[in-house]
N, C-alpha and C. Protein backbone atom coordinates (compact mmCIF):
# COMPACT_ATOMS: atom_id res chain seq x y z
N MET A 1 -87.62 -6.40 23.51
CA MET A 1 -86.61 -5.44 23.93
C MET A 1 -85.36 -6.15 24.45
N GLY A 2 -85.52 -7.31 25.02
CA GLY A 2 -84.37 -8.04 25.55
C GLY A 2 -83.36 -8.38 24.47
N ILE A 3 -83.84 -8.74 23.30
CA ILE A 3 -82.94 -9.05 22.19
C ILE A 3 -82.14 -7.81 21.82
N ILE A 4 -82.79 -6.67 21.78
CA ILE A 4 -82.11 -5.42 21.43
C ILE A 4 -81.09 -5.05 22.50
N ILE A 5 -81.49 -5.14 23.75
CA ILE A 5 -80.58 -4.77 24.85
C ILE A 5 -79.35 -5.67 24.86
N HIS A 6 -79.58 -6.98 24.86
CA HIS A 6 -78.44 -7.90 24.93
C HIS A 6 -77.61 -7.87 23.65
N GLY A 7 -78.26 -7.71 22.52
CA GLY A 7 -77.52 -7.56 21.26
C GLY A 7 -76.64 -6.32 21.28
N GLY A 8 -77.18 -5.22 21.77
CA GLY A 8 -76.40 -3.98 21.87
C GLY A 8 -75.24 -4.12 22.82
N ASN A 9 -75.47 -4.78 23.95
CA ASN A 9 -74.37 -5.01 24.90
C ASN A 9 -73.29 -5.88 24.27
N ALA A 10 -73.70 -6.89 23.52
CA ALA A 10 -72.74 -7.78 22.87
C ALA A 10 -71.89 -7.02 21.85
N ARG A 11 -72.54 -6.20 21.07
CA ARG A 11 -71.82 -5.41 20.06
C ARG A 11 -70.85 -4.46 20.73
N SER A 12 -71.28 -3.79 21.78
CA SER A 12 -70.41 -2.85 22.49
C SER A 12 -69.18 -3.56 23.07
N SER A 13 -69.38 -4.72 23.66
CA SER A 13 -68.26 -5.47 24.21
C SER A 13 -67.29 -5.89 23.12
N ALA A 14 -67.80 -6.30 21.98
CA ALA A 14 -66.94 -6.70 20.87
C ALA A 14 -66.13 -5.52 20.35
N MET A 15 -66.77 -4.36 20.24
CA MET A 15 -66.05 -3.18 19.78
C MET A 15 -64.98 -2.75 20.78
N ARG A 16 -65.29 -2.86 22.07
CA ARG A 16 -64.28 -2.54 23.09
C ARG A 16 -63.14 -3.55 23.04
N ALA A 17 -63.44 -4.79 22.71
CA ALA A 17 -62.40 -5.81 22.59
C ALA A 17 -61.42 -5.45 21.47
N ILE A 18 -61.94 -4.94 20.37
CA ILE A 18 -61.06 -4.52 19.27
C ILE A 18 -60.15 -3.38 19.75
N ALA A 19 -60.71 -2.42 20.45
CA ALA A 19 -59.91 -1.30 20.96
C ALA A 19 -58.81 -1.79 21.89
N GLU A 20 -59.12 -2.75 22.74
CA GLU A 20 -58.11 -3.30 23.65
C GLU A 20 -57.01 -4.02 22.87
N ALA A 21 -57.40 -4.76 21.86
CA ALA A 21 -56.41 -5.47 21.05
C ALA A 21 -55.48 -4.48 20.33
N LYS A 22 -56.03 -3.38 19.86
CA LYS A 22 -55.20 -2.36 19.20
C LYS A 22 -54.13 -1.83 20.15
N ASN A 23 -54.41 -1.89 21.45
CA ASN A 23 -53.44 -1.45 22.47
C ASN A 23 -52.65 -2.62 23.05
N ALA A 24 -52.72 -3.77 22.40
CA ALA A 24 -52.03 -5.00 22.79
C ALA A 24 -52.48 -5.52 24.16
N ASN A 25 -53.68 -5.18 24.58
CA ASN A 25 -54.26 -5.70 25.83
C ASN A 25 -55.11 -6.93 25.50
N PHE A 26 -54.43 -8.00 25.13
CA PHE A 26 -55.15 -9.17 24.62
C PHE A 26 -55.94 -9.91 25.69
N GLY A 27 -55.47 -9.89 26.91
CA GLY A 27 -56.23 -10.51 27.99
C GLY A 27 -57.58 -9.82 28.18
N GLU A 28 -57.55 -8.49 28.18
CA GLU A 28 -58.80 -7.73 28.32
C GLU A 28 -59.67 -7.93 27.08
N ALA A 29 -59.05 -8.00 25.91
CA ALA A 29 -59.81 -8.22 24.67
C ALA A 29 -60.54 -9.56 24.74
N GLU A 30 -59.87 -10.59 25.19
CA GLU A 30 -60.50 -11.91 25.30
C GLU A 30 -61.63 -11.89 26.33
N LYS A 31 -61.43 -11.17 27.43
CA LYS A 31 -62.48 -11.05 28.45
C LYS A 31 -63.71 -10.37 27.85
N LEU A 32 -63.49 -9.34 27.06
CA LEU A 32 -64.60 -8.62 26.44
C LEU A 32 -65.31 -9.48 25.39
N ILE A 33 -64.57 -10.31 24.69
CA ILE A 33 -65.20 -11.23 23.73
C ILE A 33 -66.08 -12.22 24.50
N GLU A 34 -65.61 -12.67 25.65
CA GLU A 34 -66.42 -13.59 26.46
C GLU A 34 -67.69 -12.89 26.94
N GLU A 35 -67.57 -11.61 27.34
CA GLU A 35 -68.76 -10.85 27.72
C GLU A 35 -69.74 -10.75 26.54
N SER A 36 -69.18 -10.51 25.36
CA SER A 36 -70.00 -10.43 24.16
C SER A 36 -70.73 -11.75 23.94
N ASN A 37 -70.01 -12.85 24.08
CA ASN A 37 -70.62 -14.18 23.92
C ASN A 37 -71.76 -14.40 24.91
N GLU A 38 -71.55 -13.99 26.16
CA GLU A 38 -72.58 -14.16 27.19
C GLU A 38 -73.83 -13.35 26.85
N GLU A 39 -73.64 -12.12 26.39
CA GLU A 39 -74.77 -11.29 26.01
C GLU A 39 -75.51 -11.87 24.80
N LEU A 40 -74.74 -12.38 23.84
CA LEU A 40 -75.37 -13.01 22.67
C LEU A 40 -76.16 -14.25 23.08
N ASN A 41 -75.64 -15.00 24.04
CA ASN A 41 -76.37 -16.17 24.53
C ASN A 41 -77.69 -15.77 25.16
N LYS A 42 -77.69 -14.67 25.92
CA LYS A 42 -78.94 -14.19 26.53
C LYS A 42 -79.95 -13.79 25.46
N ALA A 43 -79.47 -13.06 24.46
CA ALA A 43 -80.36 -12.65 23.37
C ALA A 43 -80.88 -13.86 22.61
N HIS A 44 -80.01 -14.82 22.39
CA HIS A 44 -80.39 -16.01 21.64
C HIS A 44 -81.43 -16.83 22.40
N ARG A 45 -81.32 -16.87 23.74
CA ARG A 45 -82.32 -17.58 24.54
C ARG A 45 -83.69 -16.94 24.39
N ILE A 46 -83.74 -15.63 24.38
CA ILE A 46 -85.02 -14.94 24.18
C ILE A 46 -85.58 -15.27 22.81
N GLN A 47 -84.71 -15.22 21.81
CA GLN A 47 -85.13 -15.54 20.44
C GLN A 47 -85.64 -16.98 20.37
N THR A 48 -84.94 -17.90 20.99
CA THR A 48 -85.34 -19.31 20.99
C THR A 48 -86.68 -19.50 21.67
N ASP A 49 -86.91 -18.78 22.77
CA ASP A 49 -88.21 -18.86 23.45
C ASP A 49 -89.34 -18.41 22.52
N LEU A 50 -89.09 -17.34 21.76
CA LEU A 50 -90.10 -16.86 20.80
C LEU A 50 -90.37 -17.89 19.71
N ILE A 51 -89.31 -18.51 19.21
CA ILE A 51 -89.44 -19.52 18.16
C ILE A 51 -90.21 -20.73 18.69
N GLN A 52 -89.87 -21.17 19.90
CA GLN A 52 -90.57 -22.32 20.49
C GLN A 52 -92.04 -22.02 20.74
N ALA A 53 -92.32 -20.81 21.20
CA ALA A 53 -93.72 -20.42 21.42
C ALA A 53 -94.49 -20.45 20.11
N GLU A 54 -93.88 -19.96 19.06
CA GLU A 54 -94.56 -19.98 17.76
C GLU A 54 -94.77 -21.40 17.27
N SER A 55 -93.80 -22.27 17.53
CA SER A 55 -93.95 -23.67 17.10
C SER A 55 -95.06 -24.38 17.87
N ARG A 56 -95.42 -23.86 19.04
CA ARG A 56 -96.55 -24.40 19.82
C ARG A 56 -97.87 -23.78 19.38
N GLY A 57 -97.81 -22.91 18.40
CA GLY A 57 -99.03 -22.30 17.90
C GLY A 57 -99.32 -20.92 18.47
N GLU A 58 -98.47 -20.43 19.33
CA GLU A 58 -98.64 -19.09 19.88
C GLU A 58 -98.14 -18.08 18.84
N LYS A 59 -98.99 -17.18 18.50
CA LYS A 59 -98.65 -16.20 17.47
C LYS A 59 -97.82 -15.06 18.05
N THR A 60 -96.79 -14.69 17.33
CA THR A 60 -95.96 -13.53 17.67
C THR A 60 -96.19 -12.49 16.60
N GLU A 61 -96.54 -11.30 17.04
CA GLU A 61 -96.78 -10.22 16.09
C GLU A 61 -95.45 -9.82 15.43
N ILE A 62 -95.45 -9.79 14.12
CA ILE A 62 -94.28 -9.34 13.38
C ILE A 62 -94.39 -7.82 13.26
N SER A 63 -93.69 -7.13 14.14
CA SER A 63 -93.74 -5.67 14.17
C SER A 63 -92.40 -5.12 13.71
N LEU A 64 -92.37 -3.84 13.50
CA LEU A 64 -91.11 -3.18 13.16
C LEU A 64 -90.09 -3.38 14.28
N LEU A 65 -90.56 -3.37 15.52
CA LEU A 65 -89.67 -3.59 16.66
C LEU A 65 -89.06 -4.99 16.61
N MET A 66 -89.86 -5.99 16.26
CA MET A 66 -89.35 -7.36 16.17
C MET A 66 -88.31 -7.49 15.05
N VAL A 67 -88.59 -6.87 13.92
CA VAL A 67 -87.64 -6.89 12.80
C VAL A 67 -86.34 -6.21 13.21
N HIS A 68 -86.47 -5.07 13.89
CA HIS A 68 -85.30 -4.34 14.36
C HIS A 68 -84.49 -5.19 15.34
N ALA A 69 -85.17 -5.88 16.23
CA ALA A 69 -84.49 -6.73 17.20
C ALA A 69 -83.69 -7.83 16.51
N GLN A 70 -84.29 -8.46 15.53
CA GLN A 70 -83.59 -9.52 14.80
C GLN A 70 -82.38 -8.97 14.04
N ASP A 71 -82.57 -7.80 13.44
CA ASP A 71 -81.47 -7.15 12.72
C ASP A 71 -80.35 -6.79 13.69
N HIS A 72 -80.72 -6.27 14.85
CA HIS A 72 -79.76 -5.88 15.87
C HIS A 72 -78.95 -7.10 16.32
N LEU A 73 -79.61 -8.22 16.53
CA LEU A 73 -78.94 -9.44 16.97
C LEU A 73 -77.97 -9.94 15.91
N MET A 74 -78.40 -9.98 14.67
CA MET A 74 -77.52 -10.47 13.61
C MET A 74 -76.31 -9.55 13.43
N ASN A 75 -76.53 -8.25 13.56
CA ASN A 75 -75.43 -7.30 13.48
C ASN A 75 -74.42 -7.55 14.60
N ALA A 76 -74.92 -7.76 15.80
CA ALA A 76 -74.05 -8.00 16.94
C ALA A 76 -73.23 -9.28 16.74
N MET A 77 -73.84 -10.30 16.20
CA MET A 77 -73.13 -11.55 15.95
C MET A 77 -72.02 -11.34 14.92
N THR A 78 -72.31 -10.56 13.90
CA THR A 78 -71.31 -10.29 12.87
C THR A 78 -70.15 -9.48 13.44
N VAL A 79 -70.46 -8.47 14.23
CA VAL A 79 -69.41 -7.65 14.83
C VAL A 79 -68.54 -8.51 15.75
N ARG A 80 -69.16 -9.37 16.55
CA ARG A 80 -68.39 -10.27 17.42
C ARG A 80 -67.46 -11.18 16.61
N ASP A 81 -68.00 -11.76 15.53
CA ASP A 81 -67.18 -12.64 14.69
C ASP A 81 -66.00 -11.89 14.08
N LEU A 82 -66.28 -10.69 13.59
CA LEU A 82 -65.20 -9.89 13.01
C LEU A 82 -64.20 -9.44 14.07
N ALA A 83 -64.67 -9.14 15.27
CA ALA A 83 -63.76 -8.75 16.35
C ALA A 83 -62.79 -9.88 16.67
N ILE A 84 -63.29 -11.10 16.69
CA ILE A 84 -62.41 -12.25 16.95
C ILE A 84 -61.32 -12.33 15.88
N GLU A 85 -61.70 -12.14 14.64
CA GLU A 85 -60.71 -12.18 13.55
C GLU A 85 -59.73 -11.02 13.64
N ILE A 86 -60.22 -9.84 13.94
CA ILE A 86 -59.34 -8.67 14.05
C ILE A 86 -58.35 -8.85 15.20
N ILE A 87 -58.82 -9.37 16.31
CA ILE A 87 -57.93 -9.63 17.45
C ILE A 87 -56.85 -10.63 17.06
N ASP A 88 -57.24 -11.70 16.38
CA ASP A 88 -56.28 -12.71 15.93
C ASP A 88 -55.24 -12.10 14.98
N LEU A 89 -55.70 -11.29 14.04
CA LEU A 89 -54.78 -10.65 13.11
C LEU A 89 -53.84 -9.69 13.82
N THR A 90 -54.38 -8.97 14.80
CA THR A 90 -53.55 -8.04 15.56
C THR A 90 -52.48 -8.78 16.33
N LYS A 91 -52.82 -9.91 16.93
CA LYS A 91 -51.84 -10.73 17.64
C LYS A 91 -50.72 -11.15 16.69
N LYS A 92 -51.08 -11.60 15.51
CA LYS A 92 -50.09 -12.06 14.54
C LYS A 92 -49.22 -10.92 14.06
N THR A 93 -49.79 -9.75 13.89
CA THR A 93 -49.02 -8.60 13.43
C THR A 93 -48.01 -8.16 14.48
N ILE A 94 -48.41 -8.17 15.73
CA ILE A 94 -47.51 -7.76 16.79
C ILE A 94 -46.39 -8.76 16.99
N ASN A 95 -46.68 -10.02 16.75
CA ASN A 95 -45.66 -11.07 16.95
C ASN A 95 -44.67 -11.15 15.80
N ILE A 96 -44.89 -10.42 14.72
CA ILE A 96 -43.95 -10.48 13.58
C ILE A 96 -42.74 -9.66 13.85
């Protein structure tokens, strides 16, 4: 559940960052991207712990919830990456 929670928080922060950039609030947009990064780091730590446990021979049940969590995390990472690009493009458009 931690991966889902932190992934969802990361995605929400990235989406809010885009909204702030659309309003030329680039300082707030950058702050929200940093929040997104922090949430992704938390989710990634949980994922890494699961991977390390499995490498030690501890079995992790592959459930629909686990698949959903991984999908949620990858989605959040993609949204964050795209938000960074959208913010950059918005900055360039406003400066023209």
